[in-house]
PDB file of N, CA and C in Angstrom:
ATOM      1  N   UNK A   1      27.054  14.121  28.820  1.00  0.00           N
ATOM      2  CA  UNK A   1      27.299  13.286  27.627  1.00  0.00           C
ATOM      3  C   UNK A   1      25.922  13.415  26.696  1.00  0.00           C
ATOM      4  N   UNK A   2      25.147  14.180  27.111  1.00  0.00           N
ATOM      5  CA  UNK A   2      23.863  14.573  26.343  1.00  0.00           C
ATOM      6  C   UNK A   2      24.329  15.404  25.159  1.00  0.00           C
ATOM      7  N   UNK A   3      23.329  15.266  24.008  1.00  0.00           N
ATOM      8  CA  UNK A   3      23.530  16.107  22.791  1.00  0.00           C
ATOM      9  C   UNK A   3      22.604  17.303  23.204  1.00  0.00           C
ATOM     10  N   UNK A   4      23.047  18.378  22.781  1.00  0.00           N
ATOM     11  CA  UNK A   4      22.267  19.696  23.070  1.00  0.00           C
ATOM     12  C   UNK A   4      20.977  19.760  22.036  1.00  0.00           C
ATOM     13  N   UNK A   5      20.009  20.394  22.482  1.00  0.00           N
ATOM     14  CA  UNK A   5      18.854  20.276  21.797  1.00  0.00           C
ATOM     15  C   UNK A   5      18.870  20.673  20.053  1.00  0.00           C
ATOM     16  N   UNK A   6      19.657  22.016  20.224  1.00  0.00           N
ATOM     17  CA  UNK A   6      19.956  22.464  18.956  1.00  0.00           C
ATOM     18  C   UNK A   6      20.460  21.294  17.958  1.00  0.00           C
ATOM     19  N   UNK A   7      21.445  20.632  18.537  1.00  0.00           N
ATOM     20  CA  UNK A   7      22.013  19.687  17.307  1.00  0.00           C
ATOM     21  C   UNK A   7      21.119  18.510  17.172  1.00  0.00           C
ATOM     22  N   UNK A   8      20.297  17.911  18.280  1.00  0.00           N
ATOM     23  CA  UNK A   8      19.409  16.956  18.119  1.00  0.00           C
ATOM     24  C   UNK A   8      18.274  17.426  17.068  1.00  0.00           C
ATOM     25  N   UNK A   9      17.709  18.851  17.270  1.00  0.00           N
ATOM     26  CA  UNK A   9      16.935  19.089  16.145  1.00  0.00           C
ATOM     27  C   UNK A   9      17.125  19.459  14.874  1.00  0.00           C
ATOM     28  N   UNK A  10      18.853  19.483  14.751  1.00  0.00           N
ATOM     29  CA  UNK A  10      19.292  19.597  13.441  1.00  0.00           C
ATOM     30  C   UNK A  10      19.382  18.350  12.792  1.00  0.00           C
ATOM     31  N   UNK A  11      19.799  17.276  13.534  1.00  0.00           N
ATOM     32  CA  UNK A  11      19.430  15.887  12.985  1.00  0.00           C
ATOM     33  C   UNK A  11      18.114  15.369  12.674  1.00  0.00           C
ATOM     34  N   UNK A  12      17.290  15.861  13.535  1.00  0.00           N
ATOM     35  CA  UNK A  12      16.238  15.318  13.108  1.00  0.00           C
ATOM     36  C   UNK A  12      15.564  15.863  11.710  1.00  0.00           C
ATOM     37  N   UNK A  13      15.633  17.114  11.609  1.00  0.00           N
ATOM     38  CA  UNK A  13      15.735  17.974  10.571  1.00  0.00           C
ATOM     39  C   UNK A  13      16.001  17.561   9.417  1.00  0.00           C
ATOM     40  N   UNK A  14      17.341  17.088   9.481  1.00  0.00           N
ATOM     41  CA  UNK A  14      18.305  16.580   8.472  1.00  0.00           C
ATOM     42  C   UNK A  14      17.656  15.150   7.678  1.00  0.00           C
ATOM     43  N   UNK A  15      17.486  14.354   8.527  1.00  0.00           N
ATOM     44  CA  UNK A  15      16.957  13.035   8.436  1.00  0.00           C
ATOM     45  C   UNK A  15      15.366  13.233   7.918  1.00  0.00           C
ATOM     46  N   UNK A  16      14.642  14.079   8.189  1.00  0.00           N
ATOM     47  CA  UNK A  16      13.235  14.251   7.748  1.00  0.00           C
ATOM     48  C   UNK A  16      13.506  14.717   6.264  1.00  0.00           C
ATOM     49  N   UNK A  17      14.435  15.474   6.004  1.00  0.00           N
ATOM     50  CA  UNK A  17      14.379  16.113   4.717  1.00  0.00           C
ATOM     51  C   UNK A  17      14.954  15.046   3.620  1.00  0.00           C
ATOM     52  N   UNK A  18      16.111  14.296   4.356  1.00  0.00           N
ATOM     53  CA  UNK A  18      16.614  13.082   3.656  1.00  0.00           C
ATOM     54  C   UNK A  18      15.703  11.971   3.192  1.00  0.00           C
ATOM     55  N   UNK A  19      14.871  11.986   4.001  1.00  0.00           N
ATOM     56  CA  UNK A  19      13.763  11.015   3.845  1.00  0.00           C
ATOM     57  C   UNK A  19      12.796  11.516   2.666  1.00  0.00           C
ATOM     58  N   UNK A  20      12.593  12.724   2.656  1.00  0.00           N
ATOM     59  CA  UNK A  20      11.552  13.186   1.748  1.00  0.00           C
ATOM     60  C   UNK A  20      12.513  13.191   0.414  1.00  0.00           C
ATOM     61  N   UNK A  21      13.748  13.600   0.366  1.00  0.00           N
ATOM     62  CA  UNK A  21      14.243  13.610  -1.055  1.00  0.00           C
ATOM     63  C   UNK A  21      14.128  12.258  -1.387  1.00  0.00           C
ATOM     64  N   UNK A  22      14.515  10.891  -0.715  1.00  0.00           N
ATOM     65  CA  UNK A  22      14.466   9.762  -1.377  1.00  0.00           C
ATOM     66  C   UNK A  22      13.289   9.307  -1.699  1.00  0.00           C
ATOM     67  N   UNK A  23      12.107   9.816  -1.009  1.00  0.00           N
ATOM     68  CA  UNK A  23      10.873   9.179  -1.461  1.00  0.00           C
ATOM     69  C   UNK A  23      10.326   9.979  -2.634  1.00  0.00           C
ATOM     70  N   UNK A  24      10.771  11.372  -3.033  1.00  0.00           N
ATOM     71  CA  UNK A  24      10.717  11.832  -4.251  1.00  0.00           C
ATOM     72  C   UNK A  24      11.451  11.544  -5.424  1.00  0.00           C
ATOM     73  N   UNK A  25      12.586  11.092  -5.005  1.00  0.00           N
ATOM     74  CA  UNK A  25      13.173  10.526  -6.111  1.00  0.00           C
ATOM     75  C   UNK A  25      12.647   8.944  -6.751  1.00  0.00           C
ATOM     76  N   UNK A  26      12.262   8.297  -5.660  1.00  0.00           N
ATOM     77  CA  UNK A  26      11.625   7.172  -5.885  1.00  0.00           C
ATOM     78  C   UNK A  26      10.362   7.321  -6.823  1.00  0.00           C
ATOM     79  N   UNK A  27       9.499   8.004  -6.222  1.00  0.00           N
ATOM     80  CA  UNK A  27       8.417   8.583  -7.154  1.00  0.00           C
ATOM     81  C   UNK A  27       8.752   9.092  -8.279  1.00  0.00           C
ATOM     82  N   UNK A  28       9.642   9.775  -8.549  1.00  0.00           N
ATOM     83  CA  UNK A  28      10.329  10.142 -10.112  1.00  0.00           C
ATOM     84  C   UNK A  28      10.575   9.267 -10.839  1.00  0.00           C
ATOM     85  N   UNK A  29      11.434   8.113 -10.268  1.00  0.00           N
ATOM     86  CA  UNK A  29      11.721   7.127 -11.187  1.00  0.00           C
ATOM     87  C   UNK A  29      10.595   6.428 -11.543  1.00  0.00           C
ATOM     88  N   UNK A  30       9.558   6.068 -10.917  1.00  0.00           N
ATOM     89  CA  UNK A  30       8.544   5.418 -11.159  1.00  0.00           C
ATOM     90  C   UNK A  30       7.492   6.172 -12.024  1.00  0.00           C
ATOM     91  N   UNK A  31       7.406   7.514 -12.083  1.00  0.00           N
ATOM     92  CA  UNK A  31       6.818   8.161 -13.172  1.00  0.00           C
ATOM     93  C   UNK A  31       7.679   8.170 -14.374  1.00  0.00           C
ATOM     94  N   UNK A  32       9.307   8.207 -14.496  1.00  0.00           N
ATOM     95  CA  UNK A  32       9.778   8.190 -15.493  1.00  0.00           C
ATOM     96  C   UNK A  32       9.534   6.667 -16.522  1.00  0.00           C
ATOM     97  N   UNK A  33       9.059   6.002 -15.769  1.00  0.00           N
ATOM     98  CA  UNK A  33       8.755   4.664 -16.646  1.00  0.00           C
ATOM     99  C   UNK A  33       7.455   4.803 -17.253  1.00  0.00           C
ATOM    100  N   UNK A  34       6.648   5.498 -16.579  1.00  0.00           N
ATOM    101  CA  UNK A  34       5.133   5.483 -17.335  1.00  0.00           C
ATOM    102  C   UNK A  34       4.794   6.675 -17.887  1.00  0.00           C
ATOM    103  N   UNK A  35       6.094   7.563 -18.010  1.00  0.00           N
ATOM    104  CA  UNK A  35       6.287   8.667 -19.072  1.00  0.00           C
ATOM    105  C   UNK A  35       5.021   9.936 -18.805  1.00  0.00           C
ATOM    106  N   UNK A  36       4.901  10.298 -17.862  1.00  0.00           N
ATOM    107  CA  UNK A  36       3.694  11.270 -17.127  1.00  0.00           C
ATOM    108  C   UNK A  36       4.447  12.345 -16.921  1.00  0.00           C
ATOM    109  N   UNK A  37       4.856  13.395 -17.911  1.00  0.00           N
ATOM    110  CA  UNK A  37       5.767  14.444 -17.834  1.00  0.00           C
ATOM    111  C   UNK A  37       5.132  15.599 -16.955  1.00  0.00           C
ATOM    112  N   UNK A  38       3.873  15.701 -17.031  1.00  0.00           N
ATOM    113  CA  UNK A  38       2.942  16.751 -16.223  1.00  0.00           C
ATOM    114  C   UNK A  38       3.405  16.572 -14.676  1.00  0.00           C
ATOM    115  N   UNK A  39       3.551  15.513 -14.209  1.00  0.00           N
ATOM    116  CA  UNK A  39       3.659  15.302 -12.616  1.00  0.00           C
ATOM    117  C   UNK A  39       5.344  14.991 -12.576  1.00  0.00           C
ATOM    118  N   UNK A  40       5.937  14.669 -13.725  1.00  0.00           N
ATOM    119  CA  UNK A  40       7.399  14.605 -13.332  1.00  0.00           C
ATOM    120  C   UNK A  40       7.579  15.906 -12.842  1.00  0.00           C
ATOM    121  N   UNK A  41       7.146  17.034 -13.652  1.00  0.00           N
ATOM    122  CA  UNK A  41       7.715  18.452 -13.604  1.00  0.00           C
ATOM    123  C   UNK A  41       7.370  18.816 -12.147  1.00  0.00           C
ATOM    124  N   UNK A  42       6.126  18.425 -11.892  1.00  0.00           N
ATOM    125  CA  UNK A  42       5.759  18.973 -10.495  1.00  0.00           C
ATOM    126  C   UNK A  42       6.692  18.114  -9.254  1.00  0.00           C
ATOM    127  N   UNK A  43       6.981  16.948  -9.658  1.00  0.00           N
ATOM    128  CA  UNK A  43       7.933  16.103  -8.691  1.00  0.00           C
ATOM    129  C   UNK A  43       9.327  16.855  -8.653  1.00  0.00           C
ATOM    130  N   UNK A  44       9.840  17.107  -9.831  1.00  0.00           N
ATOM    131  CA  UNK A  44      11.265  17.594  -9.878  1.00  0.00           C
ATOM    132  C   UNK A  44      11.198  19.059  -9.111  1.00  0.00           C
ATOM    133  N   UNK A  45      10.207  19.657  -9.308  1.00  0.00           N
ATOM    134  CA  UNK A  45      10.108  21.102  -8.756  1.00  0.00           C
ATOM    135  C   UNK A  45      10.131  20.784  -7.139  1.00  0.00           C
ATOM    136  N   UNK A  46       9.278  19.845  -6.479  1.00  0.00           N
ATOM    137  CA  UNK A  46       9.453  19.450  -5.004  1.00  0.00           C
ATOM    138  C   UNK A  46      10.582  19.072  -4.787  1.00  0.00           C
ATOM    139  N   UNK A  47      11.449  18.112  -5.456  1.00  0.00           N
ATOM    140  CA  UNK A  47      12.786  17.447  -5.180  1.00  0.00           C
ATOM    141  C   UNK A  47      13.708  18.929  -5.255  1.00  0.00           C
ATOM    142  N   UNK A  48      13.442  19.765  -5.927  1.00  0.00           N
ATOM    143  CA  UNK A  48      14.604  20.850  -5.974  1.00  0.00           C
ATOM    144  C   UNK A  48      14.350  21.654  -4.692  1.00  0.00           C
ATOM    145  N   UNK A  49      12.944  21.855  -4.568  1.00  0.00           N
ATOM    146  CA  UNK A  49      12.920  22.373  -2.920  1.00  0.00           C
ATOM    147  C   UNK A  49      13.184  21.659  -1.760  1.00  0.00           C
ATOM    148  N   UNK A  50      13.326  20.444  -1.761  1.00  0.00           N
ATOM    149  CA  UNK A  50      13.969  19.648  -0.734  1.00  0.00           C
ATOM    150  C   UNK A  50      15.111  19.940  -0.571  1.00  0.00           C
ATOM    151  N   UNK A  51      15.797  19.641  -1.853  1.00  0.00           N
ATOM    152  CA  UNK A  51      17.443  19.938  -1.892  1.00  0.00           C
ATOM    153  C   UNK A  51      17.902  21.295  -1.466  1.00  0.00           C
ATOM    154  N   UNK A  52      16.942  22.304  -1.771  1.00  0.00           N
ATOM    155  CA  UNK A  52      17.330  23.409  -1.262  1.00  0.00           C
ATOM    156  C   UNK A  52      17.271  23.657   0.327  1.00  0.00           C
ATOM    157  N   UNK A  53      16.078  23.171   0.784  1.00  0.00           N
ATOM    158  CA  UNK A  53      15.972  22.992   2.134  1.00  0.00           C
ATOM    159  C   UNK A  53      17.144  22.215   2.928  1.00  0.00           C
ATOM    160  N   UNK A  54      17.702  21.257   2.349  1.00  0.00           N
ATOM    161  CA  UNK A  54      18.866  20.729   2.973  1.00  0.00           C
ATOM    162  C   UNK A  54      20.176  21.486   2.739  1.00  0.00           C
ATOM    163  N   UNK A  55      20.316  22.177   1.762  1.00  0.00           N
ATOM    164  CA  UNK A  55      21.537  23.195   1.312  1.00  0.00           C
ATOM    165  C   UNK A  55      21.377  24.138   2.689  1.00  0.00           C
ATOM    166  N   UNK A  56      20.155  24.578   2.872  1.00  0.00           N
ATOM    167  CA  UNK A  56      19.969  26.017   3.721  1.00  0.00           C
ATOM    168  C   UNK A  56      20.074  25.665   5.439  1.00  0.00           C
ATOM    169  N   UNK A  57      19.769  24.036   5.480  1.00  0.00           N
ATOM    170  CA  UNK A  57      20.125  23.717   6.715  1.00  0.00           C
ATOM    171  C   UNK A  57      21.466  23.815   7.329  1.00  0.00           C
ATOM    172  N   UNK A  58      22.328  23.650   6.335  1.00  0.00           N
ATOM    173  CA  UNK A  58      23.870  23.910   6.560  1.00  0.00           C
ATOM    174  C   UNK A  58      24.486  22.837   7.682  1.00  0.00           C
ATOM    175  N   UNK A  59      25.376  22.970   7.853  1.00  0.00           N
ATOM    176  CA  UNK A  59      26.220  22.248   8.938  1.00  0.00           C
ATOM    177  C   UNK A  59      25.665  22.012  10.263  1.00  0.00           C
ATOM    178  N   UNK A  60      26.137  20.969  11.155  1.00  0.00           N
ATOM    179  CA  UNK A  60      25.538  20.795  12.370  1.00  0.00           C
ATOM    180  C   UNK A  60      26.066  21.912  12.943  1.00  0.00           C
ATOM    181  N   UNK A  61      25.140  22.613  13.962  1.00  0.00           N
ATOM    182  CA  UNK A  61      25.380  23.807  14.675  1.00  0.00           C
ATOM    183  C   UNK A  61      26.741  23.295  15.874  1.00  0.00           C
ATOM    184  N   UNK A  62      26.903  22.141  16.355  1.00  0.00           N
ATOM    185  CA  UNK A  62      28.075  21.850  17.046  1.00  0.00           C
ATOM    186  C   UNK A  62      28.438  20.265  16.933  1.00  0.00           C
ATOM    187  N   UNK A  63      29.281  20.159  16.397  1.00  0.00           N
ATOM    188  CA  UNK A  63      29.820  18.513  15.695  1.00  0.00           C
ATOM    189  C   UNK A  63      29.790  18.171  17.268  1.00  0.00           C
ATOM    190  N   UNK A  64      29.313  16.628  17.291  1.00  0.00           N
ATOM    191  CA  UNK A  64      29.697  15.813  18.347  1.00  0.00           C
ATOM    192  C   UNK A  64      30.972  15.295  18.552  1.00  0.00           C
ATOM    193  N   UNK A  65      31.481  15.098  19.765  1.00  0.00           N
ATOM    194  CA  UNK A  65      32.894  14.474  19.811  1.00  0.00           C
ATOM    195  C   UNK A  65      32.776  13.248  19.903  1.00  0.00           C
ATOM    196  N   UNK A  66      33.805  12.263  19.507  1.00  0.00           N
ATOM    197  CA  UNK A  66      33.949  10.786  19.405  1.00  0.00           C
ATOM    198  C   UNK A  66      32.877   9.959  19.370  1.00  0.00           C
TER     199      UNK A  66
END
């Protein structure tokens, strides 16, 4: 009934990246209100990098049943 290490690792990496994306989006919204464009560009670049990491991570290596 256990989940393989690769699947567990994938889920942890995915959740970490999703948390990072959420955090960056929140910071970006706050900066948009204060209109600090230099910092917005840097955060947008970090957000793009995190989204790329999520795409590169791909699908779960071995989907869990039931």
